[in-house]
Amino acid sequence: MAIRMNKKNAKAKKVIKKVIAPVSASKKKSSEAEKNFKIPKTKYTEAIGRRKVASARVRIYEGQGDFVVNDSLVSDYFSGVRNAPSIYMKPFDLTGTKGKFSITVKVSGSGIDAQLEALVNGVAKALVAFNPDFRTFLKPAGLLTRDDRMKETRKMGMGGKARRKRQSPKR
């Protein structure tokens, strides 16, 4: 409990701070149960994909398993993106390796669409690192090329926007 002084009336007010109870153990167990993904503990091939400010660290493991992004299934993580399954499965469709790998991805930065494109770029690079023959399929499709278009940086004195002109005084 703390005492706060009111300057106008010079009276003391009592302020009571609320104590937040910790999360119960049952909720923790249910979230841990959801994170039991099938990922083999074997050798993996790693690559990094980027788009705008998003970067995706991709690991592909040989053998069937789950496609996990930031500790959730890829279908759940990109559920808000239209046609997402066809986009993130494109490298596997082109190389004919659909269902032969299990993938883990850590994605950070930018928005959900840029994260999806960074993931596709990272998966394509990892497939080429795994088998260099896949380059002949992925390069013409444009999956190995990093899309370097970024948001334009703002300039000082321009009123907060990147391309806004300075205001000229009328007097």
C-alpha atoms as a PDB file:
ATOM      1  CA  MET A   1       0.000   0.000   0.000  1.00  0.00           C
ATOM      2  CA  ALA A   2       1.276   3.455  -0.879  1.00  0.00           C
ATOM      3  CA  ILE A   3       0.193   6.943   0.131  1.00  0.00           C
ATOM      4  CA  ARG A   4      -0.211   9.575  -2.546  1.00  0.00           C
ATOM      5  CA  MET A   5      -0.476  13.288  -1.704  1.00  0.00           C
ATOM      6  CA  ASN A   6      -3.018  15.453  -3.501  1.00  0.00           C
ATOM      7  CA  LYS A   7      -1.436  18.909  -3.957  1.00  0.00           C
ATOM      8  CA  LYS A   8      -4.668  20.928  -4.092  1.00  0.00           C
ATOM      9  CA  ASN A   9      -6.369  19.590  -0.992  1.00  0.00           C
ATOM     10  CA  ALA A  10      -3.213  18.341   0.778  1.00  0.00           C
ATOM     11  CA  LYS A  11      -5.024  15.131   1.711  1.00  0.00           C
ATOM     12  CA  ALA A  12      -3.461  11.703   1.598  1.00  0.00           C
ATOM     13  CA  LYS A  13      -5.121   9.006  -0.524  1.00  0.00           C
ATOM     14  CA  LYS A  14      -4.608   5.288  -0.120  1.00  0.00           C
ATOM     15  CA  VAL A  15      -3.586   3.433  -3.267  1.00  0.00           C
ATOM     16  CA  ILE A  16      -3.861  -0.350  -3.322  1.00  0.00           C
ATOM     17  CA  LYS A  17      -1.826  -2.293  -5.885  1.00  0.00           C
ATOM     18  CA  LYS A  18      -3.385  -5.446  -7.328  1.00  0.00           C
ATOM     19  CA  VAL A  19      -1.408  -8.668  -7.215  1.00  0.00           C
ATOM     20  CA  ILE A  20      -1.760 -10.802 -10.349  1.00  0.00           C
ATOM     21  CA  ALA A  21      -1.954 -14.526  -9.671  1.00  0.00           C
ATOM     22  CA  PRO A  22       0.449 -16.768 -11.636  1.00  0.00           C
ATOM     23  CA  VAL A  23      -0.863 -18.985 -14.444  1.00  0.00           C
ATOM     24  CA  SER A  24      -2.104 -22.319 -13.146  1.00  0.00           C
ATOM     25  CA  ALA A  25      -0.177 -25.498 -13.867  1.00  0.00           C
ATOM     26  CA  SER A  26      -3.056 -27.061 -15.820  1.00  0.00           C
ATOM     27  CA  LYS A  27      -2.871 -24.377 -18.518  1.00  0.00           C
ATOM     28  CA  LYS A  28       0.888 -24.879 -18.868  1.00  0.00           C
ATOM     29  CA  LYS A  29       0.480 -28.635 -19.326  1.00  0.00           C
ATOM     30  CA  SER A  30      -2.103 -28.194 -22.089  1.00  0.00           C
ATOM     31  CA  SER A  31       0.170 -25.836 -24.043  1.00  0.00           C
ATOM     32  CA  GLU A  32       3.095 -28.254 -23.667  1.00  0.00           C
ATOM     33  CA  ALA A  33       0.941 -31.132 -24.933  1.00  0.00           C
ATOM     34  CA  GLU A  34       0.148 -29.194 -28.104  1.00  0.00           C
ATOM     35  CA  LYS A  35       3.862 -28.753 -28.871  1.00  0.00           C
ATOM     36  CA  ASN A  36       4.605 -32.459 -29.370  1.00  0.00           C
ATOM     37  CA  PHE A  37       5.627 -32.347 -33.005  1.00  0.00           C
ATOM     38  CA  LYS A  38       7.146 -35.207 -34.950  1.00  0.00           C
ATOM     39  CA  ILE A  39      10.656 -34.021 -35.831  1.00  0.00           C
ATOM     40  CA  PRO A  40      13.493 -36.531 -36.282  1.00  0.00           C
ATOM     41  CA  LYS A  41      16.651 -36.005 -34.243  1.00  0.00           C
ATOM     42  CA  THR A  42      18.930 -36.575 -37.224  1.00  0.00           C
ATOM     43  CA  LYS A  43      21.265 -34.471 -39.308  1.00  0.00           C
ATOM     44  CA  TYR A  44      19.686 -31.359 -40.803  1.00  0.00           C
ATOM     45  CA  THR A  45      20.396 -28.826 -43.542  1.00  0.00           C
ATOM     46  CA  GLU A  46      20.044 -25.169 -42.611  1.00  0.00           C
ATOM     47  CA  ALA A  47      19.479 -21.975 -44.606  1.00  0.00           C
ATOM     48  CA  ILE A  48      18.286 -18.406 -44.039  1.00  0.00           C
ATOM     49  CA  GLY A  49      15.624 -16.749 -46.167  1.00  0.00           C
ATOM     50  CA  ARG A  50      14.842 -13.027 -46.152  1.00  0.00           C
ATOM     51  CA  ARG A  51      12.194 -10.611 -47.431  1.00  0.00           C
ATOM     52  CA  LYS A  52      11.883  -6.947 -46.393  1.00  0.00           C
ATOM     53  CA  VAL A  53      12.804  -6.999 -42.691  1.00  0.00           C
ATOM     54  CA  ALA A  54      11.618 -10.591 -42.134  1.00  0.00           C
ATOM     55  CA  SER A  55      14.149 -13.376 -41.771  1.00  0.00           C
ATOM     56  CA  ALA A  56      13.478 -17.113 -41.563  1.00  0.00           C
ATOM     57  CA  ARG A  57      15.944 -19.677 -40.203  1.00  0.00           C
ATOM     58  CA  VAL A  58      14.991 -22.964 -41.870  1.00  0.00           C
ATOM     59  CA  ARG A  59      16.115 -26.480 -40.936  1.00  0.00           C
ATOM     60  CA  ILE A  60      15.077 -29.453 -43.064  1.00  0.00           C
ATOM     61  CA  TYR A  61      15.399 -32.985 -41.716  1.00  0.00           C
ATOM     62  CA  GLU A  62      15.279 -36.120 -43.857  1.00  0.00           C
ATOM     63  CA  GLY A  63      12.237 -38.261 -43.146  1.00  0.00           C
ATOM     64  CA  GLN A  64       8.550 -37.617 -42.706  1.00  0.00           C
ATOM     65  CA  GLY A  65       7.468 -35.243 -39.991  1.00  0.00           C
ATOM     66  CA  ASP A  66       5.753 -31.968 -39.230  1.00  0.00           C
ATOM     67  CA  PHE A  67       6.211 -28.508 -40.760  1.00  0.00           C
ATOM     68  CA  VAL A  68       6.659 -26.276 -37.687  1.00  0.00           C
ATOM     69  CA  VAL A  69       6.930 -22.466 -37.678  1.00  0.00           C
ATOM     70  CA  ASN A  70       7.674 -20.662 -34.372  1.00  0.00           C
ATOM     71  CA  ASP A  71       6.482 -23.652 -32.286  1.00  0.00           C
ATOM     72  CA  SER A  72       3.147 -24.037 -34.113  1.00  0.00           C
ATOM     73  CA  LEU A  73       2.069 -25.877 -37.227  1.00  0.00           C
ATOM     74  CA  VAL A  74       2.568 -23.968 -40.472  1.00  0.00           C
ATOM     75  CA  SER A  75      -1.141 -24.170 -41.322  1.00  0.00           C
ATOM     76  CA  ASP A  76      -2.008 -22.520 -37.993  1.00  0.00           C
ATOM     77  CA  TYR A  77       0.721 -19.862 -38.206  1.00  0.00           C
ATOM     78  CA  PHE A  78      -0.206 -18.713 -41.733  1.00  0.00           C
ATOM     79  CA  SER A  79      -3.965 -19.288 -41.378  1.00  0.00           C
ATOM     80  CA  GLY A  80      -4.719 -15.618 -42.151  1.00  0.00           C
ATOM     81  CA  VAL A  81      -2.886 -15.618 -45.489  1.00  0.00           C
ATOM     82  CA  ARG A  82      -4.838 -16.492 -48.598  1.00  0.00           C
ATOM     83  CA  ASN A  83      -3.511 -19.512 -50.576  1.00  0.00           C
ATOM     84  CA  ALA A  84      -0.695 -19.964 -48.034  1.00  0.00           C
ATOM     85  CA  PRO A  85      -0.443 -23.777 -48.405  1.00  0.00           C
ATOM     86  CA  SER A  86       0.174 -23.518 -52.134  1.00  0.00           C
ATOM     87  CA  ILE A  87       2.817 -20.827 -51.535  1.00  0.00           C
ATOM     88  CA  TYR A  88       4.869 -22.582 -48.837  1.00  0.00           C
ATOM     89  CA  MET A  89       4.668 -25.984 -50.571  1.00  0.00           C
ATOM     90  CA  LYS A  90       5.835 -24.632 -53.950  1.00  0.00           C
ATOM     91  CA  PRO A  91       9.555 -25.553 -53.491  1.00  0.00           C
ATOM     92  CA  PHE A  92       8.572 -29.139 -52.651  1.00  0.00           C
ATOM     93  CA  ASP A  93       6.168 -29.370 -55.594  1.00  0.00           C
ATOM     94  CA  LEU A  94       8.829 -28.152 -58.042  1.00  0.00           C
ATOM     95  CA  THR A  95      11.491 -30.561 -56.765  1.00  0.00           C
ATOM     96  CA  GLY A  96       9.157 -33.538 -56.253  1.00  0.00           C
ATOM     97  CA  THR A  97      10.067 -33.906 -52.570  1.00  0.00           C
ATOM     98  CA  LYS A  98       6.623 -33.359 -51.053  1.00  0.00           C
ATOM     99  CA  GLY A  99       6.329 -35.314 -47.785  1.00  0.00           C
ATOM    100  CA  LYS A 100       9.984 -36.403 -47.702  1.00  0.00           C
ATOM    101  CA  PHE A 101      11.206 -33.793 -45.197  1.00  0.00           C
ATOM    102  CA  SER A 102      10.236 -32.437 -41.813  1.00  0.00           C
ATOM    103  CA  ILE A 103      10.897 -28.715 -41.403  1.00  0.00           C
ATOM    104  CA  THR A 104      11.390 -26.363 -38.470  1.00  0.00           C
ATOM    105  CA  VAL A 105      11.421 -22.598 -39.018  1.00  0.00           C
ATOM    106  CA  LYS A 106      12.063 -19.606 -36.757  1.00  0.00           C
ATOM    107  CA  VAL A 107      10.618 -16.464 -38.343  1.00  0.00           C
ATOM    108  CA  SER A 108      10.931 -12.900 -37.059  1.00  0.00           C
ATOM    109  CA  GLY A 109      10.422  -9.347 -38.263  1.00  0.00           C
ATOM    110  CA  SER A 110       8.105  -7.531 -40.670  1.00  0.00           C
ATOM    111  CA  GLY A 111       4.540  -8.727 -41.399  1.00  0.00           C
ATOM    112  CA  ILE A 112       2.952 -12.098 -42.019  1.00  0.00           C
ATOM    113  CA  ASP A 113       3.140 -11.922 -45.843  1.00  0.00           C
ATOM    114  CA  ALA A 114       6.836 -11.007 -45.831  1.00  0.00           C
ATOM    115  CA  GLN A 115       7.464 -13.791 -43.306  1.00  0.00           C
ATOM    116  CA  LEU A 116       5.798 -16.272 -45.668  1.00  0.00           C
ATOM    117  CA  GLU A 117       7.992 -15.168 -48.579  1.00  0.00           C
ATOM    118  CA  ALA A 118      11.086 -15.338 -46.353  1.00  0.00           C
ATOM    119  CA  LEU A 119      10.112 -18.886 -45.378  1.00  0.00           C
ATOM    120  CA  VAL A 120       9.763 -19.937 -49.041  1.00  0.00           C
ATOM    121  CA  ASN A 121      13.153 -18.379 -49.860  1.00  0.00           C
ATOM    122  CA  GLY A 122      14.762 -20.182 -46.906  1.00  0.00           C
ATOM    123  CA  VAL A 123      13.202 -23.549 -47.778  1.00  0.00           C
ATOM    124  CA  ALA A 124      14.393 -23.250 -51.379  1.00  0.00           C
ATOM    125  CA  LYS A 125      17.945 -22.400 -50.242  1.00  0.00           C
ATOM    126  CA  ALA A 126      17.940 -25.319 -47.804  1.00  0.00           C
ATOM    127  CA  LEU A 127      16.800 -27.721 -50.540  1.00  0.00           C
ATOM    128  CA  VAL A 128      19.646 -26.526 -52.789  1.00  0.00           C
ATOM    129  CA  ALA A 129      22.106 -26.986 -49.915  1.00  0.00           C
ATOM    130  CA  PHE A 130      20.735 -30.510 -49.438  1.00  0.00           C
ATOM    131  CA  ASN A 131      20.915 -31.400 -53.152  1.00  0.00           C
ATOM    132  CA  PRO A 132      22.539 -28.966 -55.655  1.00  0.00           C
ATOM    133  CA  ASP A 133      20.593 -30.581 -58.535  1.00  0.00           C
ATOM    134  CA  PHE A 134      17.412 -28.895 -57.239  1.00  0.00           C
ATOM    135  CA  ARG A 135      18.825 -25.531 -58.338  1.00  0.00           C
ATOM    136  CA  THR A 136      17.753 -26.195 -61.940  1.00  0.00           C
ATOM    137  CA  PHE A 137      14.091 -26.339 -60.825  1.00  0.00           C
ATOM    138  CA  LEU A 138      14.070 -23.569 -58.213  1.00  0.00           C
ATOM    139  CA  LYS A 139      16.113 -20.859 -59.959  1.00  0.00           C
ATOM    140  CA  PRO A 140      13.792 -20.350 -62.979  1.00  0.00           C
ATOM    141  CA  ALA A 141      10.789 -20.147 -60.614  1.00  0.00           C
ATOM    142  CA  GLY A 142      12.492 -17.239 -58.809  1.00  0.00           C
ATOM    143  CA  LEU A 143      12.519 -18.892 -55.387  1.00  0.00           C
ATOM    144  CA  LEU A 144      16.253 -18.519 -54.803  1.00  0.00           C
ATOM    145  CA  THR A 145      16.293 -14.784 -55.520  1.00  0.00           C
ATOM    146  CA  ARG A 146      15.929 -12.503 -52.523  1.00  0.00           C
ATOM    147  CA  ASP A 147      13.279  -9.826 -53.090  1.00  0.00           C
ATOM    148  CA  ASP A 148      15.163  -6.788 -51.773  1.00  0.00           C
ATOM    149  CA  ARG A 149      12.375  -4.216 -52.046  1.00  0.00           C
ATOM    150  CA  MET A 150      12.205  -2.481 -48.672  1.00  0.00           C
ATOM    151  CA  LYS A 151      10.155   0.285 -47.131  1.00  0.00           C
ATOM    152  CA  GLU A 152      11.747   3.646 -47.918  1.00  0.00           C
ATOM    153  CA  THR A 153      13.328   5.282 -44.888  1.00  0.00           C
ATOM    154  CA  ARG A 154      11.966   8.588 -43.659  1.00  0.00           C
ATOM    155  CA  LYS A 155      14.010  11.746 -43.939  1.00  0.00           C
ATOM    156  CA  MET A 156      14.487  14.400 -41.276  1.00  0.00           C
ATOM    157  CA  GLY A 157      12.329  17.497 -41.546  1.00  0.00           C
ATOM    158  CA  MET A 158       9.816  15.965 -43.944  1.00  0.00           C
ATOM    159  CA  GLY A 159       6.869  15.718 -41.574  1.00  0.00           C
ATOM    160  CA  GLY A 160       7.147  12.009 -40.780  1.00  0.00           C
ATOM    161  CA  LYS A 161       6.760  10.527 -44.269  1.00  0.00           C
ATOM    162  CA  ALA A 162       9.456   9.363 -46.656  1.00  0.00           C
ATOM    163  CA  ARG A 163       8.492  11.343 -49.768  1.00  0.00           C
ATOM    164  CA  ARG A 164       6.552  14.240 -48.275  1.00  0.00           C
ATOM    165  CA  LYS A 165       7.798  17.668 -49.291  1.00  0.00           C
ATOM    166  CA  ARG A 166       8.760  20.361 -46.837  1.00  0.00           C
ATOM    167  CA  GLN A 167       6.082  22.907 -46.045  1.00  0.00           C
ATOM    168  CA  SER A 168       7.019  26.311 -47.427  1.00  0.00           C
ATOM    169  CA  PRO A 169       6.122  29.389 -45.371  1.00  0.00           C
ATOM    170  CA  LYS A 170       3.671  31.822 -46.986  1.00  0.00           C
ATOM    171  CA  ARG A 171       4.707  34.881 -44.992  1.00  0.00           C
END
